[in-house]
Amino acid sequence: MWHVSDSSTLPVKKRLEDGTCLSELRGRRTRERVTVRVIEYSAADDDVSEVFALITTLLDLDRAPAIEPARICADRWHVEILFRLVEVDLRTPGGVLRSRTAEGARQELRALLFLYQALRSLLTRAAVITGAGPHPHQLSARPGRRQ
């Protein structure tokens, strides 16, 4: 399952009852073909709605209702954002993992992720309780900064 860019045009081979459709990806050789299911969904953030398309080889509507792959992709996107933010924090002065062993680096990274999640939870609670100010996703743990 992966996102498809806006510039991709996939031929619609068959429309399915849940609003998705079947398409076909072609390989380098003429005979190489893979049937995929195209799922379009929209996501809104701060009153801005954006349409996304993902393709998957999960073709069975009963085993993979359209909402499930879309939800899984959104969850994965949040995890990728978390890792990107951690990478940015590691590039700041003093932001290098200090461990000299692979296990030590893994332990340090786990601790960093736990701490980061705790900070995000506190920031979100504070934003929800006060009801004022920026959206929780725009808050930063660094004083005077938004992400």
C-alpha atoms as a PDB file:
ATOM      1  CA  MET A   1       0.000   0.000   0.000  1.00  0.00           C
ATOM      2  CA  TRP A   2       1.424   3.413  -0.933  1.00  0.00           C
ATOM      3  CA  HIS A   3       0.382   6.965  -1.766  1.00  0.00           C
ATOM      4  CA  VAL A   4       0.100   8.022  -5.381  1.00  0.00           C
ATOM      5  CA  SER A   5       1.088  11.502  -6.512  1.00  0.00           C
ATOM      6  CA  ASP A   6      -1.382  13.959  -8.051  1.00  0.00           C
ATOM      7  CA  SER A   7       0.306  13.606 -11.419  1.00  0.00           C
ATOM      8  CA  SER A   8      -0.347   9.857 -11.611  1.00  0.00           C
ATOM      9  CA  THR A   9      -3.126   8.838 -13.941  1.00  0.00           C
ATOM     10  CA  LEU A  10      -4.315   5.315 -13.392  1.00  0.00           C
ATOM     11  CA  PRO A  11      -6.778   3.726 -15.814  1.00  0.00           C
ATOM     12  CA  VAL A  12     -10.081   2.792 -14.171  1.00  0.00           C
ATOM     13  CA  LYS A  13     -10.722  -0.853 -15.011  1.00  0.00           C
ATOM     14  CA  LYS A  14     -13.742  -1.320 -12.738  1.00  0.00           C
ATOM     15  CA  ARG A  15     -15.662   0.777 -10.203  1.00  0.00           C
ATOM     16  CA  LEU A  16     -16.423  -1.034  -6.961  1.00  0.00           C
ATOM     17  CA  GLU A  17     -19.509  -0.682  -4.769  1.00  0.00           C
ATOM     18  CA  ASP A  18     -17.611   1.061  -1.939  1.00  0.00           C
ATOM     19  CA  GLY A  19     -16.481   3.954  -4.167  1.00  0.00           C
ATOM     20  CA  THR A  20     -13.006   2.599  -4.836  1.00  0.00           C
ATOM     21  CA  CYS A  21     -11.878   1.290  -8.187  1.00  0.00           C
ATOM     22  CA  LEU A  22      -9.596  -1.301  -9.683  1.00  0.00           C
ATOM     23  CA  SER A  23      -6.719  -0.197 -11.855  1.00  0.00           C
ATOM     24  CA  GLU A  24      -3.606  -1.697 -13.312  1.00  0.00           C
ATOM     25  CA  LEU A  25       0.070  -0.933 -12.918  1.00  0.00           C
ATOM     26  CA  ARG A  26       2.331  -1.844 -15.780  1.00  0.00           C
ATOM     27  CA  GLY A  27       5.891  -3.029 -15.416  1.00  0.00           C
ATOM     28  CA  ARG A  28       8.801  -2.446 -17.769  1.00  0.00           C
ATOM     29  CA  ARG A  29       7.812  -5.416 -19.881  1.00  0.00           C
ATOM     30  CA  THR A  30       4.502  -5.420 -21.735  1.00  0.00           C
ATOM     31  CA  ARG A  31       3.230  -8.507 -19.969  1.00  0.00           C
ATOM     32  CA  GLU A  32       4.025  -7.287 -16.451  1.00  0.00           C
ATOM     33  CA  ARG A  33       0.766  -6.124 -14.907  1.00  0.00           C
ATOM     34  CA  VAL A  34      -0.450  -5.804 -11.324  1.00  0.00           C
ATOM     35  CA  THR A  35      -4.070  -5.159 -10.399  1.00  0.00           C
ATOM     36  CA  VAL A  36      -4.420  -2.561  -7.646  1.00  0.00           C
ATOM     37  CA  ARG A  37      -7.289  -0.976  -5.800  1.00  0.00           C
ATOM     38  CA  VAL A  38      -7.350   2.827  -5.787  1.00  0.00           C
ATOM     39  CA  ILE A  39      -8.721   4.425  -2.615  1.00  0.00           C
ATOM     40  CA  GLU A  40      -9.303   8.160  -2.558  1.00  0.00           C
ATOM     41  CA  TYR A  41      -9.920   9.809   0.793  1.00  0.00           C
ATOM     42  CA  SER A  42      -9.835  13.310   2.201  1.00  0.00           C
ATOM     43  CA  ALA A  43      -8.240  14.590   5.359  1.00  0.00           C
ATOM     44  CA  ALA A  44      -8.994  17.918   6.991  1.00  0.00           C
ATOM     45  CA  ASP A  45      -6.692  19.933   9.227  1.00  0.00           C
ATOM     46  CA  ASP A  46      -7.393  23.498  10.336  1.00  0.00           C
ATOM     47  CA  ASP A  47     -10.385  23.770   7.967  1.00  0.00           C
ATOM     48  CA  VAL A  48      -8.223  22.796   4.974  1.00  0.00           C
ATOM     49  CA  SER A  49      -9.265  19.602   3.257  1.00  0.00           C
ATOM     50  CA  GLU A  50      -6.949  17.659   0.993  1.00  0.00           C
ATOM     51  CA  VAL A  51      -7.685  14.612  -1.154  1.00  0.00           C
ATOM     52  CA  PHE A  52      -5.230  11.726  -1.112  1.00  0.00           C
ATOM     53  CA  ALA A  53      -5.067   8.589  -3.200  1.00  0.00           C
ATOM     54  CA  LEU A  54      -3.446   5.372  -2.219  1.00  0.00           C
ATOM     55  CA  ILE A  55      -3.108   2.130  -4.077  1.00  0.00           C
ATOM     56  CA  THR A  56      -3.078  -1.296  -2.565  1.00  0.00           C
ATOM     57  CA  THR A  57      -3.059  -4.918  -3.604  1.00  0.00           C
ATOM     58  CA  LEU A  58      -5.737  -5.580  -0.947  1.00  0.00           C
ATOM     59  CA  LEU A  59      -8.604  -6.135  -3.365  1.00  0.00           C
ATOM     60  CA  ASP A  60     -11.162  -7.876  -1.110  1.00  0.00           C
ATOM     61  CA  LEU A  61     -13.750  -5.325   0.082  1.00  0.00           C
ATOM     62  CA  ASP A  62     -14.831  -7.493   3.027  1.00  0.00           C
ATOM     63  CA  ARG A  63     -11.329  -8.090   4.364  1.00  0.00           C
ATOM     64  CA  ALA A  64     -10.130  -4.516   3.739  1.00  0.00           C
ATOM     65  CA  PRO A  65     -12.948  -1.934   3.762  1.00  0.00           C
ATOM     66  CA  ALA A  66     -11.747   1.340   2.193  1.00  0.00           C
ATOM     67  CA  ILE A  67     -11.624   3.123   5.548  1.00  0.00           C
ATOM     68  CA  GLU A  68      -9.057   0.689   6.991  1.00  0.00           C
ATOM     69  CA  PRO A  69      -6.201   1.229   4.503  1.00  0.00           C
ATOM     70  CA  ALA A  70      -6.852   4.996   4.669  1.00  0.00           C
ATOM     71  CA  ARG A  71      -6.700   4.938   8.490  1.00  0.00           C
ATOM     72  CA  ILE A  72      -3.545   2.811   8.476  1.00  0.00           C
ATOM     73  CA  CYS A  73      -1.859   5.203   6.027  1.00  0.00           C
ATOM     74  CA  ALA A  74      -2.810   8.194   8.186  1.00  0.00           C
ATOM     75  CA  ASP A  75      -1.403   6.460  11.284  1.00  0.00           C
ATOM     76  CA  ARG A  76       1.806   5.636   9.442  1.00  0.00           C
ATOM     77  CA  TRP A  77       2.070   9.258   8.331  1.00  0.00           C
ATOM     78  CA  HIS A  78       1.906  10.419  11.981  1.00  0.00           C
ATOM     79  CA  VAL A  79       4.703   8.010  12.916  1.00  0.00           C
ATOM     80  CA  GLU A  80       6.840   9.258  10.016  1.00  0.00           C
ATOM     81  CA  ILE A  81       6.303  12.847  11.175  1.00  0.00           C
ATOM     82  CA  LEU A  82       7.367  11.831  14.692  1.00  0.00           C
ATOM     83  CA  PHE A  83      10.584  10.281  13.370  1.00  0.00           C
ATOM     84  CA  ARG A  84      11.266  13.361  11.234  1.00  0.00           C
ATOM     85  CA  LEU A  85      10.853  15.621  14.284  1.00  0.00           C
ATOM     86  CA  VAL A  86      13.209  13.438  16.318  1.00  0.00           C
ATOM     87  CA  GLU A  87      15.779  13.613  13.497  1.00  0.00           C
ATOM     88  CA  VAL A  88      15.551  17.412  13.557  1.00  0.00           C
ATOM     89  CA  ASP A  89      16.080  17.433  17.334  1.00  0.00           C
ATOM     90  CA  LEU A  90      19.122  15.181  16.948  1.00  0.00           C
ATOM     91  CA  ARG A  91      20.707  17.665  14.540  1.00  0.00           C
ATOM     92  CA  THR A  92      20.667  20.487  17.093  1.00  0.00           C
ATOM     93  CA  PRO A  93      23.820  21.239  19.130  1.00  0.00           C
ATOM     94  CA  GLY A  94      24.255  18.473  21.682  1.00  0.00           C
ATOM     95  CA  GLY A  95      21.623  16.387  19.890  1.00  0.00           C
ATOM     96  CA  VAL A  96      23.824  13.410  19.113  1.00  0.00           C
ATOM     97  CA  LEU A  97      23.258   9.986  20.628  1.00  0.00           C
ATOM     98  CA  ARG A  98      26.042   9.495  23.157  1.00  0.00           C
ATOM     99  CA  SER A  99      26.038   5.712  23.312  1.00  0.00           C
ATOM    100  CA  ARG A 100      28.978   3.888  21.799  1.00  0.00           C
ATOM    101  CA  THR A 101      27.192   0.564  21.271  1.00  0.00           C
ATOM    102  CA  ALA A 102      24.254  -0.401  19.070  1.00  0.00           C
ATOM    103  CA  GLU A 103      22.182  -1.558  22.070  1.00  0.00           C
ATOM    104  CA  GLY A 104      22.972   1.663  23.931  1.00  0.00           C
ATOM    105  CA  ALA A 105      21.890   3.743  20.924  1.00  0.00           C
ATOM    106  CA  ARG A 106      18.635   1.746  20.682  1.00  0.00           C
ATOM    107  CA  GLN A 107      17.975   2.298  24.383  1.00  0.00           C
ATOM    108  CA  GLU A 108      18.724   6.008  24.082  1.00  0.00           C
ATOM    109  CA  LEU A 109      16.452   6.327  21.035  1.00  0.00           C
ATOM    110  CA  ARG A 110      13.607   4.496  22.844  1.00  0.00           C
ATOM    111  CA  ALA A 111      13.990   6.845  25.800  1.00  0.00           C
ATOM    112  CA  LEU A 112      13.964   9.829  23.448  1.00  0.00           C
ATOM    113  CA  LEU A 113      10.757   8.587  21.781  1.00  0.00           C
ATOM    114  CA  PHE A 114       9.072   7.957  25.150  1.00  0.00           C
ATOM    115  CA  LEU A 115      10.025  11.432  26.350  1.00  0.00           C
ATOM    116  CA  TYR A 116       8.887  13.010  23.101  1.00  0.00           C
ATOM    117  CA  GLN A 117       5.509  11.223  23.301  1.00  0.00           C
ATOM    118  CA  ALA A 118       5.063  12.362  26.920  1.00  0.00           C
ATOM    119  CA  LEU A 119       5.811  15.976  25.936  1.00  0.00           C
ATOM    120  CA  ARG A 120       3.375  15.819  22.990  1.00  0.00           C
ATOM    121  CA  SER A 121       0.673  14.420  25.287  1.00  0.00           C
ATOM    122  CA  LEU A 122       1.203  17.228  27.792  1.00  0.00           C
ATOM    123  CA  LEU A 123       1.159  19.884  25.062  1.00  0.00           C
ATOM    124  CA  THR A 124      -2.048  18.466  23.618  1.00  0.00           C
ATOM    125  CA  ARG A 125      -3.739  18.317  27.034  1.00  0.00           C
ATOM    126  CA  ALA A 126      -2.730  21.901  27.757  1.00  0.00           C
ATOM    127  CA  ALA A 127      -4.098  23.080  24.399  1.00  0.00           C
ATOM    128  CA  VAL A 128      -7.372  21.207  24.890  1.00  0.00           C
ATOM    129  CA  ILE A 129      -7.850  22.370  28.486  1.00  0.00           C
ATOM    130  CA  THR A 130      -7.231  26.037  27.702  1.00  0.00           C
ATOM    131  CA  GLY A 131      -9.208  25.871  24.459  1.00  0.00           C
ATOM    132  CA  ALA A 132      -7.291  28.839  23.132  1.00  0.00           C
ATOM    133  CA  GLY A 133      -4.210  29.272  21.043  1.00  0.00           C
ATOM    134  CA  PRO A 134      -2.832  27.160  18.225  1.00  0.00           C
ATOM    135  CA  HIS A 135      -3.827  23.654  17.261  1.00  0.00           C
ATOM    136  CA  PRO A 136      -1.904  20.999  19.278  1.00  0.00           C
ATOM    137  CA  HIS A 137      -0.025  19.858  16.157  1.00  0.00           C
ATOM    138  CA  GLN A 138       1.422  23.367  15.826  1.00  0.00           C
ATOM    139  CA  LEU A 139       2.894  23.427  19.318  1.00  0.00           C
ATOM    140  CA  SER A 140       6.540  22.863  20.075  1.00  0.00           C
ATOM    141  CA  ALA A 141       8.244  21.781  23.310  1.00  0.00           C
ATOM    142  CA  ARG A 142      10.841  24.496  22.735  1.00  0.00           C
ATOM    143  CA  PRO A 143       9.989  27.840  24.346  1.00  0.00           C
ATOM    144  CA  GLY A 144       8.823  30.498  21.910  1.00  0.00           C
ATOM    145  CA  ARG A 145       8.610  28.151  18.914  1.00  0.00           C
ATOM    146  CA  ARG A 146       5.929  26.480  16.906  1.00  0.00           C
ATOM    147  CA  GLN A 147       6.700  23.509  14.728  1.00  0.00           C
END
